[in-house]
Amino acid sequence: MTGLKGKVAIVTGASTSKGIGSAIARRFAQEGAALYLVAEGTREQLAPPYSAKKVKGVKLYEMARRGEEVPQEAKEVTVYEFAPLAGDGTEDEVPFRLSCSSGTYARTLAHDLGARLGCGAHLASLRRLTIGPFRVEDALTLGALAERLDAPQAPADQAPMAGPAEDGDGAPRPFGESLGPAWIPFDAIPLPFGEVTADSQQEQRIQHGQTVLTRDLPGVEGDWVKLVNRRRRFIAVGTITERIGTAGVGIVQPKVVFK
């Protein structure tokens, strides 16, 4: 699930003109809850012609720029929340927040809202706030990252610094501790698919890129899986090549091996 915020620009005539659309924008803000609510739920959505979506390996915007007919292929998307926000708007722009499934086009939602208003609208700005468990407020700029990693000593009321520094008993402090939620250890990286735990023999086969027979296998043939060992170390990602019976037994082929 992705969380975003942005602004919808109200269009009057052939262009957006400062002040001309203010009355429509006010109506948009006043009636916005009902208008936005129509967009919520699961629906079929067409990708904009000028988008990076690929059809048979060719991006739609490349076809559009060449003047070719752009295929209209609908994709099922889910809009969990699409609501107007108070403040930060202008006479012709209305801010909003959006929570949706991956692959949802906010541009299309903005266009659809304009059509319902009977005047037109387009996306004026958009910023991603969350994606899955990742939040923008947990992120660090490159400058802040460098400062924390280079800091000679962290204050007592903060997390210990990263790198080779030692803690009170002389043991090295784990790299990344001073980065707080901005630091995610490699083994803890969340992935949007199932997980398989390998025993020691399976781990050896995985390290050599060989298939493994596993039980309690999540997913169906073709699905990706995260492979971890008994110590919870992230060792590889692979795909399910075959399901055997109905008891969750199947074969996994490692695709990218990390250990």
Protein backbone atom coordinates (compact mmCIF):
# COMPACT_ATOMS: atom_id res chain seq x y z
CA MET A 1 0.00 0.00 0.00
CA THR A 2 1.22 3.46 -0.89
CA GLY A 3 0.43 6.76 0.85
CA LEU A 4 0.69 10.05 -1.02
CA LYS A 5 -0.33 13.67 -0.86
CA GLY A 6 -0.70 16.18 -3.65
CA LYS A 7 -2.81 18.87 -5.28
CA VAL A 8 -5.46 18.82 -7.97
CA ALA A 9 -5.51 21.84 -10.28
CA ILE A 10 -8.93 22.96 -11.49
CA VAL A 11 -9.13 23.63 -15.23
CA THR A 12 -11.51 26.09 -16.89
CA GLY A 13 -11.52 26.24 -20.65
CA ALA A 14 -8.29 25.20 -22.31
CA SER A 15 -5.97 26.12 -19.45
CA THR A 16 -5.71 26.75 -15.75
CA SER A 17 -5.96 30.49 -15.09
CA LYS A 18 -5.36 32.03 -11.68
CA GLY A 19 -8.60 33.11 -10.08
CA ILE A 20 -10.89 31.96 -12.89
CA GLY A 21 -11.39 28.54 -11.36
CA SER A 22 -11.60 29.72 -7.74
CA ALA A 23 -15.38 29.33 -7.56
CA ILE A 24 -15.10 25.81 -8.91
CA ALA A 25 -12.22 25.11 -6.55
CA ARG A 26 -14.35 26.24 -3.59
CA ARG A 27 -17.13 23.93 -4.72
CA PHE A 28 -14.55 21.21 -5.16
CA ALA A 29 -13.35 21.68 -1.57
CA GLN A 30 -16.92 21.87 -0.22
CA GLU A 31 -18.23 18.85 -2.09
CA GLY A 32 -14.89 17.09 -2.20
CA ALA A 33 -15.69 14.42 0.39
CA ALA A 34 -18.55 13.07 -1.71
CA LEU A 35 -16.62 13.43 -4.96
CA TYR A 36 -13.51 11.73 -3.64
CA LEU A 37 -15.54 8.95 -2.02
CA VAL A 38 -16.73 7.86 -5.45
CA ALA A 39 -13.12 7.07 -6.34
CA GLU A 40 -12.54 4.80 -3.33
CA GLY A 41 -12.72 1.02 -3.58
CA THR A 42 -11.51 -1.50 -6.17
CA ARG A 43 -11.85 -0.55 -9.81
CA GLU A 44 -10.45 -1.06 -13.29
CA GLN A 45 -8.14 1.78 -14.29
CA LEU A 46 -6.55 2.64 -17.64
CA ALA A 47 -2.95 3.80 -17.68
CA PRO A 48 -2.43 7.31 -19.14
CA PRO A 49 -1.06 7.24 -22.72
CA TYR A 50 2.02 9.15 -21.56
CA SER A 51 3.17 6.67 -18.92
CA ALA A 52 6.03 4.23 -18.43
CA LYS A 53 3.74 1.19 -18.47
CA LYS A 54 5.06 -1.38 -20.94
CA VAL A 55 3.12 -3.40 -23.49
CA LYS A 56 5.19 -6.14 -25.15
CA GLY A 57 8.34 -4.42 -23.89
CA VAL A 58 7.47 -0.98 -25.29
CA LYS A 59 6.62 1.97 -23.03
CA LEU A 60 3.28 3.67 -23.72
CA TYR A 61 4.81 7.15 -23.88
CA GLU A 62 7.16 5.97 -26.64
CA MET A 63 4.16 4.87 -28.70
CA ALA A 64 2.31 8.12 -27.97
CA ARG A 65 5.28 10.27 -29.01
CA ARG A 66 5.53 8.39 -32.30
CA GLY A 67 1.85 9.03 -32.96
CA GLU A 68 0.98 5.35 -32.73
CA GLU A 69 -2.24 4.01 -31.30
CA VAL A 70 -1.73 3.34 -27.58
CA PRO A 71 -3.27 0.05 -26.31
CA GLN A 72 -5.95 0.51 -23.68
CA GLU A 73 -5.38 -2.21 -21.10
CA ALA A 74 -7.20 -1.88 -17.79
CA LYS A 75 -5.62 -2.91 -14.50
CA GLU A 76 -7.41 -3.58 -11.22
CA VAL A 77 -6.38 -1.10 -8.53
CA THR A 78 -7.64 -0.34 -5.03
CA VAL A 79 -8.09 3.13 -3.56
CA TYR A 80 -8.29 2.86 0.23
CA GLU A 81 -8.60 6.58 0.88
CA PHE A 82 -8.89 9.62 -1.37
CA ALA A 83 -9.82 12.73 0.58
CA PRO A 84 -9.46 16.53 0.35
CA LEU A 85 -7.18 18.30 2.83
CA ALA A 86 -7.69 21.66 4.47
CA GLY A 87 -5.07 24.35 3.85
CA ASP A 88 -2.05 24.52 1.54
CA GLY A 89 -4.29 25.15 -1.44
CA THR A 90 -4.58 28.08 -3.83
CA GLU A 91 -7.46 29.67 -5.68
CA ASP A 92 -7.27 26.99 -8.34
CA GLU A 93 -5.69 24.08 -6.50
CA VAL A 94 -7.12 21.70 -3.92
CA PRO A 95 -4.81 19.52 -1.75
CA PHE A 96 -5.61 15.86 -1.14
CA ARG A 97 -4.28 12.69 0.49
CA LEU A 98 -4.33 9.32 -1.19
CA SER A 99 -3.81 5.75 0.02
CA CYS A 100 -3.84 3.17 -2.75
CA SER A 101 -2.45 -0.08 -4.10
CA SER A 102 0.76 -0.16 -6.11
CA GLY A 103 0.29 0.81 -9.75
CA THR A 104 -2.59 3.25 -9.18
CA TYR A 105 -2.33 6.39 -11.33
CA ALA A 106 -3.07 9.52 -9.29
CA ARG A 107 -3.15 11.46 -12.57
CA THR A 108 -6.14 9.42 -13.69
CA LEU A 109 -7.95 9.95 -10.39
CA ALA A 110 -7.46 13.71 -10.71
CA HIS A 111 -8.74 13.63 -14.29
CA ASP A 112 -11.80 11.60 -13.25
CA LEU A 113 -12.62 14.09 -10.49
CA GLY A 114 -12.48 16.97 -12.97
CA ALA A 115 -14.82 15.10 -15.26
CA ARG A 116 -17.31 14.67 -12.41
CA LEU A 117 -17.12 18.41 -11.73
CA GLY A 118 -17.85 19.08 -15.37
CA CYS A 119 -14.87 21.38 -15.88
CA GLY A 120 -11.69 19.33 -15.92
CA ALA A 121 -8.76 18.88 -13.54
CA HIS A 122 -5.20 17.62 -13.60
CA LEU A 123 -2.56 16.63 -11.09
CA ALA A 124 -0.56 19.67 -9.98
CA SER A 125 1.78 17.99 -7.48
CA LEU A 126 2.35 14.62 -5.85
CA ARG A 127 4.61 13.36 -3.07
CA ARG A 128 5.00 9.82 -1.76
CA LEU A 129 4.71 9.62 2.04
CA THR A 130 4.67 5.87 2.65
CA ILE A 131 5.16 2.63 0.76
CA GLY A 132 4.53 -0.55 2.69
CA PRO A 133 6.28 -0.17 6.08
CA PHE A 134 8.53 2.69 4.90
CA ARG A 135 7.65 6.26 5.96
CA VAL A 136 9.14 9.49 4.70
CA GLU A 137 9.40 10.86 8.27
CA ASP A 138 11.84 8.04 9.05
CA ALA A 139 14.10 8.94 6.12
CA LEU A 140 17.34 10.91 6.31
CA THR A 141 18.86 13.29 3.82
CA LEU A 142 22.34 12.41 2.55
CA GLY A 143 23.73 15.28 4.63
CA ALA A 144 22.06 14.06 7.82
CA LEU A 145 23.23 10.52 7.09
CA ALA A 146 26.85 11.66 6.72
CA GLU A 147 26.68 13.72 9.91
CA ARG A 148 25.39 10.80 11.98
CA LEU A 149 27.92 8.35 10.61
CA ASP A 150 30.80 10.79 11.12
CA ALA A 151 29.72 11.95 14.59
CA PRO A 152 32.54 11.28 17.12
CA GLN A 153 30.10 10.56 19.94
CA ALA A 154 26.33 10.41 20.23
CA PRO A 155 24.63 12.22 23.14
CA ALA A 156 23.64 9.96 26.03
CA ASP A 157 19.92 10.40 25.31
CA GLN A 158 20.29 9.26 21.71
CA ALA A 159 21.03 5.94 20.07
CA PRO A 160 24.73 4.96 20.00
CA MET A 161 26.65 5.99 16.96
CA ALA A 162 27.31 3.74 13.99
CA GLY A 163 30.61 2.43 12.76
CA PRO A 164 33.58 1.07 14.64
CA ALA A 165 32.98 2.93 17.93
CA GLU A 166 32.69 0.86 21.09
CA ASP A 167 30.04 0.81 23.76
CA GLY A 168 30.60 0.79 27.53
CA ASP A 169 31.93 -2.76 27.75
CA GLY A 170 34.34 -2.31 24.85
CA ALA A 171 32.26 -4.28 22.34
CA PRO A 172 31.83 -2.75 18.86
CA ARG A 173 28.51 -1.02 18.34
CA PRO A 174 26.44 -2.47 15.47
CA PHE A 175 26.62 -0.35 12.35
CA GLY A 176 23.49 1.72 11.79
CA GLU A 177 22.21 1.97 15.36
CA SER A 178 22.55 5.76 15.36
CA LEU A 179 20.33 5.99 12.29
CA GLY A 180 17.19 4.92 14.15
CA PRO A 181 14.26 3.82 11.97
CA ALA A 182 16.11 5.03 8.86
CA TRP A 183 18.37 1.97 9.18
CA ILE A 184 16.98 -1.46 8.26
CA PRO A 185 19.36 -4.42 8.66
CA PHE A 186 19.71 -6.51 5.51
CA ASP A 187 18.18 -9.58 7.14
CA ALA A 188 15.10 -7.58 8.15
CA ILE A 189 14.31 -6.06 4.74
CA PRO A 190 10.56 -6.59 4.20
CA LEU A 191 9.54 -8.13 0.89
CA PRO A 192 6.01 -8.40 -0.55
CA PHE A 193 5.97 -12.19 -0.83
CA GLY A 194 6.14 -15.37 1.22
CA GLU A 195 9.08 -16.70 3.21
CA VAL A 196 10.75 -20.11 3.28
CA THR A 197 13.10 -21.30 6.05
CA ALA A 198 15.91 -23.56 4.82
CA ASP A 199 17.70 -26.17 6.90
CA SER A 200 21.49 -26.56 6.77
CA GLN A 201 21.47 -28.98 3.83
CA GLN A 202 19.04 -26.83 1.85
CA GLU A 203 21.17 -23.78 2.63
CA GLN A 204 24.18 -25.45 1.04
CA ARG A 205 22.20 -26.22 -2.11
CA ILE A 206 20.83 -22.67 -2.25
CA GLN A 207 24.35 -21.22 -1.99
CA HIS A 208 25.22 -23.15 -5.16
CA GLY A 209 22.04 -22.06 -6.94
CA GLN A 210 20.45 -25.51 -6.76
CA THR A 211 16.73 -26.18 -6.32
CA VAL A 212 15.37 -27.25 -2.94
CA LEU A 213 12.32 -29.26 -1.96
CA THR A 214 10.44 -27.48 0.83
CA ARG A 215 7.33 -27.85 2.95
CA ASP A 216 4.75 -25.27 4.06
CA LEU A 217 5.40 -23.44 0.81
CA PRO A 218 3.46 -20.15 0.42
CA GLY A 219 2.08 -19.10 -2.95
CA VAL A 220 1.67 -20.81 -6.30
CA GLU A 221 3.98 -21.74 -9.15
CA GLY A 222 5.80 -18.66 -10.45
CA ASP A 223 5.57 -16.74 -7.17
CA TRP A 224 8.68 -15.23 -5.59
CA VAL A 225 9.76 -16.28 -2.09
CA LYS A 226 12.26 -14.99 0.44
CA LEU A 227 14.72 -17.66 1.58
CA VAL A 228 16.14 -17.48 5.11
CA ASN A 229 18.18 -19.95 7.16
CA ARG A 230 17.46 -21.26 10.65
CA ARG A 231 19.32 -18.28 12.13
CA ARG A 232 16.92 -15.94 10.28
CA ARG A 233 19.65 -14.76 7.92
CA PHE A 234 18.41 -13.60 4.50
CA ILE A 235 20.24 -15.88 2.06
CA ALA A 236 18.40 -15.63 -1.28
CA VAL A 237 15.24 -14.91 -3.23
CA GLY A 238 13.78 -17.51 -5.53
CA THR A 239 10.68 -18.65 -7.37
CA ILE A 240 8.34 -21.58 -6.92
CA THR A 241 8.89 -23.82 -9.93
CA GLU A 242 6.58 -26.67 -8.96
CA ARG A 243 3.87 -27.47 -6.42
CA ILE A 244 3.58 -31.13 -5.40
CA GLY A 245 0.19 -32.22 -4.11
CA THR A 246 -1.94 -30.09 -1.81
CA ALA A 247 0.09 -30.28 1.42
CA GLY A 248 2.29 -27.24 0.73
CA VAL A 249 5.23 -29.22 -0.67
CA GLY A 250 7.07 -27.77 -3.63
CA ILE A 251 10.32 -26.93 -5.36
CA VAL A 252 12.04 -23.54 -5.16
CA GLN A 253 14.68 -22.31 -7.59
CA PRO A 254 17.07 -19.69 -6.13
CA LYS A 255 17.34 -16.64 -8.43
CA VAL A 256 19.52 -14.21 -6.47
CA VAL A 257 21.82 -15.63 -3.77
CA PHE A 258 23.27 -13.33 -1.11
CA LYS A 259 25.36 -15.83 0.81
